[in-house]
Amino acid sequence: MSRPFDPLKKLYIDDLRRPPDLTWDLAKSTSDAMDYVLLNGCPDMISFDYYLGGGQTIQPFVLWLIDEDKRQNGQLMPADFRFESHSGSPAGTAWINLMLGQYLLNRRRR
């Protein structure tokens, strides 16, 4: 089956749920997500789950993504990068929003 056309590159990170439609790529772990970014570049949008099974959370990936973007002088994440959390964890969603939201806000001010 061919993938529907969508001009945005989108990554859905979740160990259990499937993406909402076929326009999303799927990563089931932090290492899958890192490999995706290393192979394909940072997508235009990421939808995060916080808990990824086996005691894993999304935190290592989010911190790695921020560090990689800093290392690349703000060139890894697209200028109009967007993210959301589809996690059932309010605390996890708050952490994702705080970490990425603050980083992106400060990056745009430079």
PDB file of N, CA and C in Angstrom:
ATOM      1  N   MET A   1       0.847  -1.180   0.000  1.00  0.00           N
ATOM      2  CA  MET A   1       0.000   0.000   0.000  1.00  0.00           C
ATOM      3  C   MET A   1       0.890   1.240   0.000  1.00  0.00           C
ATOM      4  N   SER A   2       0.594   2.180  -0.854  1.00  0.00           N
ATOM      5  CA  SER A   2       1.397   3.396  -0.901  1.00  0.00           C
ATOM      6  C   SER A   2       0.973   4.353   0.198  1.00  0.00           C
ATOM      7  N   ARG A   3       1.891   5.176   0.554  1.00  0.00           N
ATOM      8  CA  ARG A   3       1.669   6.141   1.616  1.00  0.00           C
ATOM      9  C   ARG A   3       0.963   7.366   1.046  1.00  0.00           C
ATOM     10  N   PRO A   4      -0.071   7.906   1.739  1.00  0.00           N
ATOM     11  CA  PRO A   4      -0.745   9.112   1.254  1.00  0.00           C
ATOM     12  C   PRO A   4       0.228  10.295   1.228  1.00  0.00           C
ATOM     13  N   PHE A   5       0.019  11.198   0.298  1.00  0.00           N
ATOM     14  CA  PHE A   5       0.889  12.362   0.206  1.00  0.00           C
ATOM     15  C   PHE A   5       0.665  13.290   1.398  1.00  0.00           C
ATOM     16  N   ASP A   6       1.737  13.674   2.020  1.00  0.00           N
ATOM     17  CA  ASP A   6       1.724  14.666   3.089  1.00  0.00           C
ATOM     18  C   ASP A   6       3.067  15.370   3.007  1.00  0.00           C
ATOM     19  N   PRO A   7       3.079  16.681   2.815  1.00  0.00           N
ATOM     20  CA  PRO A   7       4.355  17.374   2.657  1.00  0.00           C
ATOM     21  C   PRO A   7       5.204  17.383   3.928  1.00  0.00           C
ATOM     22  N   LEU A   8       4.602  17.086   5.074  1.00  0.00           N
ATOM     23  CA  LEU A   8       5.340  17.084   6.327  1.00  0.00           C
ATOM     24  C   LEU A   8       5.912  15.704   6.626  1.00  0.00           C
ATOM     25  N   LYS A   9       7.112  15.709   7.177  1.00  0.00           N
ATOM     26  CA  LYS A   9       7.699  14.475   7.688  1.00  0.00           C
ATOM     27  C   LYS A   9       7.281  14.398   9.155  1.00  0.00           C
ATOM     28  N   LYS A  10       6.594  13.311   9.546  1.00  0.00           N
ATOM     29  CA  LYS A  10       6.036  13.214  10.896  1.00  0.00           C
ATOM     30  C   LYS A  10       6.455  11.890  11.542  1.00  0.00           C
ATOM     31  N   LEU A  11       6.811  11.977  12.819  1.00  0.00           N
ATOM     32  CA  LEU A  11       7.231  10.796  13.569  1.00  0.00           C
ATOM     33  C   LEU A  11       6.341  10.612  14.788  1.00  0.00           C
ATOM     34  N   TYR A  12       5.825   9.408  14.943  1.00  0.00           N
ATOM     35  CA  TYR A  12       4.956   9.035  16.065  1.00  0.00           C
ATOM     36  C   TYR A  12       5.756   8.068  16.916  1.00  0.00           C
ATOM     37  N   ILE A  13       6.002   8.419  18.180  1.00  0.00           N
ATOM     38  CA  ILE A  13       6.822   7.574  19.046  1.00  0.00           C
ATOM     39  C   ILE A  13       5.919   6.942  20.100  1.00  0.00           C
ATOM     40  N   ASP A  14       5.764   5.613  20.024  1.00  0.00           N
ATOM     41  CA  ASP A  14       4.889   4.891  20.943  1.00  0.00           C
ATOM     42  C   ASP A  14       5.191   3.402  20.823  1.00  0.00           C
ATOM     43  N   ASP A  15       5.281   2.721  21.944  1.00  0.00           N
ATOM     44  CA  ASP A  15       5.577   1.291  21.908  1.00  0.00           C
ATOM     45  C   ASP A  15       4.341   0.427  21.703  1.00  0.00           C
ATOM     46  N   LEU A  16       3.151   0.959  21.961  1.00  0.00           N
ATOM     47  CA  LEU A  16       1.921   0.158  21.862  1.00  0.00           C
ATOM     48  C   LEU A  16       0.954   0.633  20.785  1.00  0.00           C
ATOM     49  N   ARG A  17       0.701   1.929  20.751  1.00  0.00           N
ATOM     50  CA  ARG A  17      -0.307   2.467  19.825  1.00  0.00           C
ATOM     51  C   ARG A  17       0.263   2.642  18.429  1.00  0.00           C
ATOM     52  N   ARG A  18      -0.630   2.628  17.481  1.00  0.00           N
ATOM     53  CA  ARG A  18      -0.279   2.873  16.084  1.00  0.00           C
ATOM     54  C   ARG A  18      -0.504   4.345  15.776  1.00  0.00           C
ATOM     55  N   PRO A  19       0.189   4.874  14.796  1.00  0.00           N
ATOM     56  CA  PRO A  19      -0.041   6.273  14.390  1.00  0.00           C
ATOM     57  C   PRO A  19      -1.486   6.481  13.931  1.00  0.00           C
ATOM     58  N   PRO A  20      -1.958   7.712  13.991  1.00  0.00           N
ATOM     59  CA  PRO A  20      -3.343   7.992  13.617  1.00  0.00           C
ATOM     60  C   PRO A  20      -3.665   7.707  12.144  1.00  0.00           C
ATOM     61  N   ASP A  21      -2.665   7.804  11.273  1.00  0.00           N
ATOM     62  CA  ASP A  21      -2.890   7.501   9.859  1.00  0.00           C
ATOM     63  C   ASP A  21      -1.558   7.160   9.208  1.00  0.00           C
ATOM     64  N   LEU A  22      -1.584   6.860   7.930  1.00  0.00           N
ATOM     65  CA  LEU A  22      -0.390   6.389   7.225  1.00  0.00           C
ATOM     66  C   LEU A  22       0.609   7.486   6.874  1.00  0.00           C
ATOM     67  N   THR A  23       0.326   8.721   7.226  1.00  0.00           N
ATOM     68  CA  THR A  23       1.272   9.800   6.929  1.00  0.00           C
ATOM     69  C   THR A  23       2.363   9.901   7.996  1.00  0.00           C
ATOM     70  N   TRP A  24       2.237   9.118   9.062  1.00  0.00           N
ATOM     71  CA  TRP A  24       3.209   9.139  10.156  1.00  0.00           C
ATOM     72  C   TRP A  24       4.162   7.959  10.049  1.00  0.00           C
ATOM     73  N   ASP A  25       5.450   8.194  10.363  1.00  0.00           N
ATOM     74  CA  ASP A  25       6.400   7.109  10.567  1.00  0.00           C
ATOM     75  C   ASP A  25       6.325   6.736  12.044  1.00  0.00           C
ATOM     76  N   LEU A  26       6.711   5.505  12.383  1.00  0.00           N
ATOM     77  CA  LEU A  26       6.589   5.004  13.744  1.00  0.00           C
ATOM     78  C   LEU A  26       7.949   4.604  14.305  1.00  0.00           C
ATOM     79  N   ALA A  27       8.213   5.026  15.543  1.00  0.00           N
ATOM     80  CA  ALA A  27       9.357   4.549  16.323  1.00  0.00           C
ATOM     81  C   ALA A  27       8.791   4.012  17.627  1.00  0.00           C
ATOM     82  N   LYS A  28       9.255   2.842  18.050  1.00  0.00           N
ATOM     83  CA  LYS A  28       8.702   2.207  19.248  1.00  0.00           C
ATOM     84  C   LYS A  28       9.589   2.353  20.482  1.00  0.00           C
ATOM     85  N   SER A  29      10.764   2.952  20.333  1.00  0.00           N
ATOM     86  CA  SER A  29      11.679   3.107  21.463  1.00  0.00           C
ATOM     87  C   SER A  29      12.531   4.359  21.251  1.00  0.00           C
ATOM     88  N   THR A  30      13.255   4.725  22.290  1.00  0.00           N
ATOM     89  CA  THR A  30      14.141   5.887  22.155  1.00  0.00           C
ATOM     90  C   THR A  30      15.230   5.606  21.119  1.00  0.00           C
ATOM     91  N   SER A  31      15.754   4.383  21.118  1.00  0.00           N
ATOM     92  CA  SER A  31      16.804   4.080  20.134  1.00  0.00           C
ATOM     93  C   SER A  31      16.238   4.071  18.711  1.00  0.00           C
ATOM     94  N   ASP A  32      15.010   3.589  18.523  1.00  0.00           N
ATOM     95  CA  ASP A  32      14.370   3.665  17.204  1.00  0.00           C
ATOM     96  C   ASP A  32      14.228   5.125  16.765  1.00  0.00           C
ATOM     97  N   ALA A  33      13.824   5.992  17.695  1.00  0.00           N
ATOM     98  CA  ALA A  33      13.628   7.410  17.381  1.00  0.00           C
ATOM     99  C   ALA A  33      14.962   8.072  17.016  1.00  0.00           C
ATOM    100  N   MET A  34      16.014   7.774  17.773  1.00  0.00           N
ATOM    101  CA  MET A  34      17.336   8.326  17.461  1.00  0.00           C
ATOM    102  C   MET A  34      17.809   7.846  16.099  1.00  0.00           C
ATOM    103  N   ASP A  35      17.655   6.547  15.837  1.00  0.00           N
ATOM    104  CA  ASP A  35      18.054   6.007  14.534  1.00  0.00           C
ATOM    105  C   ASP A  35      17.283   6.684  13.402  1.00  0.00           C
ATOM    106  N   TYR A  36      15.994   6.903  13.605  1.00  0.00           N
ATOM    107  CA  TYR A  36      15.169   7.567  12.595  1.00  0.00           C
ATOM    108  C   TYR A  36      15.742   8.947  12.266  1.00  0.00           C
ATOM    109  N   VAL A  37      16.033   9.735  13.309  1.00  0.00           N
ATOM    110  CA  VAL A  37      16.540  11.092  13.095  1.00  0.00           C
ATOM    111  C   VAL A  37      17.913  11.050  12.431  1.00  0.00           C
ATOM    112  N   LEU A  38      18.761  10.131  12.844  1.00  0.00           N
ATOM    113  CA  LEU A  38      20.087  10.032  12.234  1.00  0.00           C
ATOM    114  C   LEU A  38      20.003   9.642  10.761  1.00  0.00           C
ATOM    115  N   LEU A  39      19.056   8.781  10.405  1.00  0.00           N
ATOM    116  CA  LEU A  39      18.914   8.333   9.011  1.00  0.00           C
ATOM    117  C   LEU A  39      18.138   9.302   8.130  1.00  0.00           C
ATOM    118  N   ASN A  40      17.125   9.951   8.695  1.00  0.00           N
ATOM    119  CA  ASN A  40      16.188  10.749   7.898  1.00  0.00           C
ATOM    120  C   ASN A  40      16.219  12.239   8.187  1.00  0.00           C
ATOM    121  N   GLY A  41      16.967  12.651   9.187  1.00  0.00           N
ATOM    122  CA  GLY A  41      16.912  14.029   9.642  1.00  0.00           C
ATOM    123  C   GLY A  41      15.737  14.193  10.591  1.00  0.00           C
ATOM    124  N   CYS A  42      15.677  15.323  11.223  1.00  0.00           N
ATOM    125  CA  CYS A  42      14.592  15.576  12.161  1.00  0.00           C
ATOM    126  C   CYS A  42      13.301  15.823  11.393  1.00  0.00           C
ATOM    127  N   PRO A  43      12.215  15.171  11.808  1.00  0.00           N
ATOM    128  CA  PRO A  43      10.950  15.413  11.118  1.00  0.00           C
ATOM    129  C   PRO A  43      10.408  16.804  11.426  1.00  0.00           C
ATOM    130  N   ASP A  44       9.403  17.200  10.673  1.00  0.00           N
ATOM    131  CA  ASP A  44       8.744  18.490  10.899  1.00  0.00           C
ATOM    132  C   ASP A  44       7.892  18.458  12.165  1.00  0.00           C
ATOM    133  N   MET A  45       7.414  17.260  12.503  1.00  0.00           N
ATOM    134  CA  MET A  45       6.543  17.115  13.665  1.00  0.00           C
ATOM    135  C   MET A  45       6.803  15.777  14.334  1.00  0.00           C
ATOM    136  N   ILE A  46       6.744  15.784  15.684  1.00  0.00           N
ATOM    137  CA  ILE A  46       6.848  14.553  16.459  1.00  0.00           C
ATOM    138  C   ILE A  46       5.685  14.506  17.441  1.00  0.00           C
ATOM    139  N   SER A  47       5.054  13.335  17.520  1.00  0.00           N
ATOM    140  CA  SER A  47       4.030  13.080  18.528  1.00  0.00           C
ATOM    141  C   SER A  47       4.622  12.071  19.508  1.00  0.00           C
ATOM    142  N   PHE A  48       4.684  12.452  20.788  1.00  0.00           N
ATOM    143  CA  PHE A  48       5.365  11.661  21.808  1.00  0.00           C
ATOM    144  C   PHE A  48       4.409  10.914  22.724  1.00  0.00           C
ATOM    145  N   ASP A  49       4.760   9.677  23.033  1.00  0.00           N
ATOM    146  CA  ASP A  49       4.243   9.003  24.208  1.00  0.00           C
ATOM    147  C   ASP A  49       5.348   9.144  25.247  1.00  0.00           C
ATOM    148  N   TYR A  50       4.992   9.190  26.523  1.00  0.00           N
ATOM    149  CA  TYR A  50       6.018   9.373  27.551  1.00  0.00           C
ATOM    150  C   TYR A  50       6.625   8.043  27.986  1.00  0.00           C
ATOM    151  N   TYR A  51       5.785   7.075  28.304  1.00  0.00           N
ATOM    152  CA  TYR A  51       6.274   5.757  28.730  1.00  0.00           C
ATOM    153  C   TYR A  51       6.351   4.837  27.520  1.00  0.00           C
ATOM    154  N   LEU A  52       7.523   4.183  27.370  1.00  0.00           N
ATOM    155  CA  LEU A  52       7.741   3.356  26.193  1.00  0.00           C
ATOM    156  C   LEU A  52       7.944   1.885  26.526  1.00  0.00           C
ATOM    157  N   GLY A  53       7.520   1.453  27.676  1.00  0.00           N
ATOM    158  CA  GLY A  53       7.634   0.044  28.043  1.00  0.00           C
ATOM    159  C   GLY A  53       9.019  -0.314  28.542  1.00  0.00           C
ATOM    160  N   GLY A  54       9.078  -1.390  29.288  1.00  0.00           N
ATOM    161  CA  GLY A  54      10.361  -1.854  29.819  1.00  0.00           C
ATOM    162  C   GLY A  54      11.021  -0.850  30.739  1.00  0.00           C
ATOM    163  N   GLY A  55      10.237   0.009  31.371  1.00  0.00           N
ATOM    164  CA  GLY A  55      10.789   1.027  32.267  1.00  0.00           C
ATOM    165  C   GLY A  55      11.368   2.232  31.542  1.00  0.00           C
ATOM    166  N   GLN A  56      11.268   2.253  30.226  1.00  0.00           N
ATOM    167  CA  GLN A  56      11.816   3.341  29.413  1.00  0.00           C
ATOM    168  C   GLN A  56      10.852   4.516  29.354  1.00  0.00           C
ATOM    169  N   THR A  57      11.399   5.711  29.344  1.00  0.00           N
ATOM    170  CA  THR A  57      10.605   6.907  29.065  1.00  0.00           C
ATOM    171  C   THR A  57      11.190   7.599  27.843  1.00  0.00           C
ATOM    172  N   ILE A  58      10.516   8.625  27.381  1.00  0.00           N
ATOM    173  CA  ILE A  58      10.967   9.389  26.225  1.00  0.00           C
ATOM    174  C   ILE A  58      12.086  10.369  26.586  1.00  0.00           C
ATOM    175  N   GLN A  59      12.341  10.546  27.875  1.00  0.00           N
ATOM    176  CA  GLN A  59      13.312  11.550  28.304  1.00  0.00           C
ATOM    177  C   GLN A  59      14.673  11.466  27.624  1.00  0.00           C
ATOM    178  N   PRO A  60      15.302  10.282  27.514  1.00  0.00           N
ATOM    179  CA  PRO A  60      16.620  10.252  26.852  1.00  0.00           C
ATOM    180  C   PRO A  60      16.569  10.768  25.410  1.00  0.00           C
ATOM    181  N   PHE A  61      15.507  10.460  24.694  1.00  0.00           N
ATOM    182  CA  PHE A  61      15.406  10.937  23.314  1.00  0.00           C
ATOM    183  C   PHE A  61      15.233  12.450  23.263  1.00  0.00           C
ATOM    184  N   VAL A  62      14.356  13.001  24.084  1.00  0.00           N
ATOM    185  CA  VAL A  62      14.122  14.456  24.084  1.00  0.00           C
ATOM    186  C   VAL A  62      15.425  15.186  24.425  1.00  0.00           C
ATOM    187  N   LEU A  63      16.129  14.720  25.445  1.00  0.00           N
ATOM    188  CA  LEU A  63      17.400  15.365  25.824  1.00  0.00           C
ATOM    189  C   LEU A  63      18.437  15.220  24.713  1.00  0.00           C
ATOM    190  N   TRP A  64      18.494  14.057  24.069  1.00  0.00           N
ATOM    191  CA  TRP A  64      19.417  13.849  22.959  1.00  0.00           C
ATOM    192  C   TRP A  64      19.072  14.776  21.792  1.00  0.00           C
ATOM    193  N   LEU A  65      17.783  14.901  21.482  1.00  0.00           N
ATOM    194  CA  LEU A  65      17.350  15.757  20.375  1.00  0.00           C
ATOM    195  C   LEU A  65      17.766  17.210  20.617  1.00  0.00           C
ATOM    196  N   ILE A  66      17.567  17.684  21.826  1.00  0.00           N
ATOM    197  CA  ILE A  66      17.971  19.051  22.178  1.00  0.00           C
ATOM    198  C   ILE A  66      19.485  19.199  22.083  1.00  0.00           C
ATOM    199  N   ASP A  67      20.225  18.247  22.645  1.00  0.00           N
ATOM    200  CA  ASP A  67      21.691  18.315  22.595  1.00  0.00           C
ATOM    201  C   ASP A  67      22.211  18.274  21.160  1.00  0.00           C
ATOM    202  N   GLU A  68      21.615  17.420  20.324  1.00  0.00           N
ATOM    203  CA  GLU A  68      22.036  17.342  18.924  1.00  0.00           C
ATOM    204  C   GLU A  68      21.735  18.643  18.184  1.00  0.00           C
ATOM    205  N   ASP A  69      20.589  19.238  18.459  1.00  0.00           N
ATOM    206  CA  ASP A  69      20.249  20.503  17.816  1.00  0.00           C
ATOM    207  C   ASP A  69      21.238  21.588  18.243  1.00  0.00           C
ATOM    208  N   LYS A  70      21.592  21.612  19.515  1.00  0.00           N
ATOM    209  CA  LYS A  70      22.598  22.584  20.000  1.00  0.00           C
ATOM    210  C   LYS A  70      23.939  22.331  19.329  1.00  0.00           C
ATOM    211  N   ARG A  71      24.328  21.049  19.256  1.00  0.00           N
ATOM    212  CA  ARG A  71      25.613  20.692  18.648  1.00  0.00           C
ATOM    213  C   ARG A  71      25.667  21.124  17.189  1.00  0.00           C
ATOM    214  N   GLN A  72      24.509  21.117  16.533  1.00  0.00           N
ATOM    215  CA  GLN A  72      24.438  21.515  15.127  1.00  0.00           C
ATOM    216  C   GLN A  72      24.007  22.979  14.976  1.00  0.00           C
ATOM    217  N   ASN A  73      24.228  23.764  16.014  1.00  0.00           N
ATOM    218  CA  ASN A  73      23.922  25.202  15.993  1.00  0.00           C
ATOM    219  C   ASN A  73      22.490  25.501  15.573  1.00  0.00           C
ATOM    220  N   GLY A  74      21.551  24.704  16.101  1.00  0.00           N
ATOM    221  CA  GLY A  74      20.141  24.944  15.832  1.00  0.00           C
ATOM    222  C   GLY A  74      19.686  24.539  14.446  1.00  0.00           C
ATOM    223  N   GLN A  75      20.461  23.703  13.775  1.00  0.00           N
ATOM    224  CA  GLN A  75      20.130  23.317  12.403  1.00  0.00           C
ATOM    225  C   GLN A  75      19.513  21.928  12.271  1.00  0.00           C
ATOM    226  N   LEU A  76      19.431  21.168  13.365  1.00  0.00           N
ATOM    227  CA  LEU A  76      18.844  19.829  13.257  1.00  0.00           C
ATOM    228  C   LEU A  76      17.331  19.906  13.157  1.00  0.00           C
ATOM    229  N   MET A  77      16.697  20.586  14.101  1.00  0.00           N
ATOM    230  CA  MET A  77      15.235  20.710  14.081  1.00  0.00           C
ATOM    231  C   MET A  77      14.847  21.806  13.101  1.00  0.00           C
ATOM    232  N   PRO A  78      13.841  21.548  12.270  1.00  0.00           N
ATOM    233  CA  PRO A  78      13.393  22.588  11.333  1.00  0.00           C
ATOM    234  C   PRO A  78      12.962  23.857  12.077  1.00  0.00           C
ATOM    235  N   ALA A  79      13.049  24.985  11.425  1.00  0.00           N
ATOM    236  CA  ALA A  79      12.663  26.262  12.041  1.00  0.00           C
ATOM    237  C   ALA A  79      11.214  26.245  12.507  1.00  0.00           C
ATOM    238  N   ASP A  80      10.367  25.528  11.797  1.00  0.00           N
ATOM    239  CA  ASP A  80       8.946  25.462  12.166  1.00  0.00           C
ATOM    240  C   ASP A  80       8.589  24.120  12.816  1.00  0.00           C
ATOM    241  N   PHE A  81       9.567  23.509  13.495  1.00  0.00           N
ATOM    242  CA  PHE A  81       9.363  22.235  14.165  1.00  0.00           C
ATOM    243  C   PHE A  81       8.193  22.310  15.141  1.00  0.00           C
ATOM    244  N   ARG A  82       7.357  21.276  15.098  1.00  0.00           N
ATOM    245  CA  ARG A  82       6.209  21.191  16.013  1.00  0.00           C
ATOM    246  C   ARG A  82       6.234  19.846  16.725  1.00  0.00           C
ATOM    247  N   PHE A  83       5.630  19.831  17.890  1.00  0.00           N
ATOM    248  CA  PHE A  83       5.534  18.586  18.638  1.00  0.00           C
ATOM    249  C   PHE A  83       4.240  18.574  19.430  1.00  0.00           C
ATOM    250  N   GLU A  84       3.854  17.368  19.827  1.00  0.00           N
ATOM    251  CA  GLU A  84       2.693  17.184  20.688  1.00  0.00           C
ATOM    252  C   GLU A  84       2.935  15.930  21.513  1.00  0.00           C
ATOM    253  N   SER A  85       2.139  15.781  22.554  1.00  0.00           N
ATOM    254  CA  SER A  85       2.185  14.570  23.350  1.00  0.00           C
ATOM    255  C   SER A  85       0.827  13.903  23.275  1.00  0.00           C
ATOM    256  N   HIS A  86       0.828  12.617  22.957  1.00  0.00           N
ATOM    257  CA  HIS A  86      -0.400  11.835  22.995  1.00  0.00           C
ATOM    258  C   HIS A  86      -0.372  10.885  24.197  1.00  0.00           C
ATOM    259  N   SER A  87       0.508  11.166  25.152  1.00  0.00           N
ATOM    260  CA  SER A  87       0.685  10.329  26.332  1.00  0.00           C
ATOM    261  C   SER A  87      -0.503  10.426  27.282  1.00  0.00           C
ATOM    262  N   GLY A  88      -0.773   9.341  27.970  1.00  0.00           N
ATOM    263  CA  GLY A  88      -1.795   9.334  29.009  1.00  0.00           C
ATOM    264  C   GLY A  88      -1.265   9.846  30.339  1.00  0.00           C
ATOM    265  N   SER A  89       0.002  10.216  30.382  1.00  0.00           N
ATOM    266  CA  SER A  89       0.629  10.691  31.615  1.00  0.00           C
ATOM    267  C   SER A  89       0.649  12.216  31.633  1.00  0.00           C
ATOM    268  N   PRO A  90      -0.150  12.852  32.492  1.00  0.00           N
ATOM    269  CA  PRO A  90      -0.112  14.316  32.575  1.00  0.00           C
ATOM    270  C   PRO A  90       1.272  14.841  32.970  1.00  0.00           C
ATOM    271  N   ALA A  91       1.933  14.158  33.892  1.00  0.00           N
ATOM    272  CA  ALA A  91       3.274  14.600  34.311  1.00  0.00           C
ATOM    273  C   ALA A  91       4.272  14.432  33.162  1.00  0.00           C
ATOM    274  N   GLY A  92       4.155  13.337  32.413  1.00  0.00           N
ATOM    275  CA  GLY A  92       5.041  13.125  31.272  1.00  0.00           C
ATOM    276  C   GLY A  92       4.818  14.159  30.188  1.00  0.00           C
ATOM    277  N   THR A  93       3.559  14.464  29.913  1.00  0.00           N
ATOM    278  CA  THR A  93       3.235  15.496  28.923  1.00  0.00           C
ATOM    279  C   THR A  93       3.780  16.845  29.365  1.00  0.00           C
ATOM    280  N   ALA A  94       3.635  17.163  30.643  1.00  0.00           N
ATOM    281  CA  ALA A  94       4.155  18.438  31.168  1.00  0.00           C
ATOM    282  C   ALA A  94       5.668  18.502  31.004  1.00  0.00           C
ATOM    283  N   TRP A  95       6.361  17.387  31.249  1.00  0.00           N
ATOM    284  CA  TRP A  95       7.827  17.371  31.119  1.00  0.00           C
ATOM    285  C   TRP A  95       8.237  17.607  29.658  1.00  0.00           C
ATOM    286  N   ILE A  96       7.582  16.921  28.739  1.00  0.00           N
ATOM    287  CA  ILE A  96       7.889  17.086  27.313  1.00  0.00           C
ATOM    288  C   ILE A  96       7.652  18.544  26.901  1.00  0.00           C
ATOM    289  N   ASN A  97       6.493  19.081  27.277  1.00  0.00           N
ATOM    290  CA  ASN A  97       6.156  20.461  26.913  1.00  0.00           C
ATOM    291  C   ASN A  97       7.142  21.453  27.502  1.00  0.00           C
ATOM    292  N   LEU A  98       7.550  21.234  28.742  1.00  0.00           N
ATOM    293  CA  LEU A  98       8.499  22.138  29.388  1.00  0.00           C
ATOM    294  C   LEU A  98       9.864  22.074  28.708  1.00  0.00           C
ATOM    295  N   MET A  99      10.389  20.878  28.541  1.00  0.00           N
ATOM    296  CA  MET A  99      11.742  20.734  27.988  1.00  0.00           C
ATOM    297  C   MET A  99      11.826  21.241  26.545  1.00  0.00           C
ATOM    298  N   LEU A 100      10.979  20.720  25.681  1.00  0.00           N
ATOM    299  CA  LEU A 100      11.049  21.118  24.275  1.00  0.00           C
ATOM    300  C   LEU A 100      10.516  22.530  24.058  1.00  0.00           C
ATOM    301  N   GLY A 101       9.442  22.865  24.741  1.00  0.00           N
ATOM    302  CA  GLY A 101       8.864  24.200  24.589  1.00  0.00           C
ATOM    303  C   GLY A 101       9.841  25.295  24.979  1.00  0.00           C
ATOM    304  N   GLN A 102      10.485  25.141  26.139  1.00  0.00           N
ATOM    305  CA  GLN A 102      11.448  26.146  26.585  1.00  0.00           C
ATOM    306  C   GLN A 102      12.662  26.197  25.662  1.00  0.00           C
ATOM    307  N   TYR A 103      13.138  25.021  25.245  1.00  0.00           N
ATOM    308  CA  TYR A 103      14.285  25.014  24.344  1.00  0.00           C
ATOM    309  C   TYR A 103      13.964  25.742  23.043  1.00  0.00           C
ATOM    310  N   LEU A 104      12.840  25.421  22.446  1.00  0.00           N
ATOM    311  CA  LEU A 104      12.477  26.048  21.168  1.00  0.00           C
ATOM    312  C   LEU A 104      12.228  27.541  21.324  1.00  0.00           C
ATOM    313  N   LEU A 105      11.627  27.942  22.415  1.00  0.00           N
ATOM    314  CA  LEU A 105      11.399  29.371  22.672  1.00  0.00           C
ATOM    315  C   LEU A 105      12.725  30.110  22.777  1.00  0.00           C
ATOM    316  N   ASN A 106      13.660  29.560  23.522  1.00  0.00           N
ATOM    317  CA  ASN A 106      14.979  30.197  23.660  1.00  0.00           C
ATOM    318  C   ASN A 106      15.771  30.147  22.358  1.00  0.00           C
ATOM    319  N   ARG A 107      15.634  29.072  21.597  1.00  0.00           N
ATOM    320  CA  ARG A 107      16.350  28.972  20.315  1.00  0.00           C
ATOM    321  C   ARG A 107      15.860  30.035  19.341  1.00  0.00           C
ATOM    322  N   ARG A 108      14.573  30.295  19.317  1.00  0.00           N
ATOM    323  CA  ARG A 108      14.020  31.282  18.389  1.00  0.00           C
ATOM    324  C   ARG A 108      14.404  32.705  18.768  1.00  0.00           C
ATOM    325  N   ARG A 109      14.710  32.936  20.027  1.00  0.00           N
ATOM    326  CA  ARG A 109      15.098  34.279  20.490  1.00  0.00           C
ATOM    327  C   ARG A 109      16.515  34.656  20.083  1.00  0.00           C
ATOM    328  N   ARG A 110      17.318  33.670  19.790  1.00  0.00           N
ATOM    329  CA  ARG A 110      18.728  33.949  19.447  1.00  0.00           C
ATOM    330  C   ARG A 110      18.856  34.614  18.108  1.00  0.00           C
TER     331      ARG A 110
END
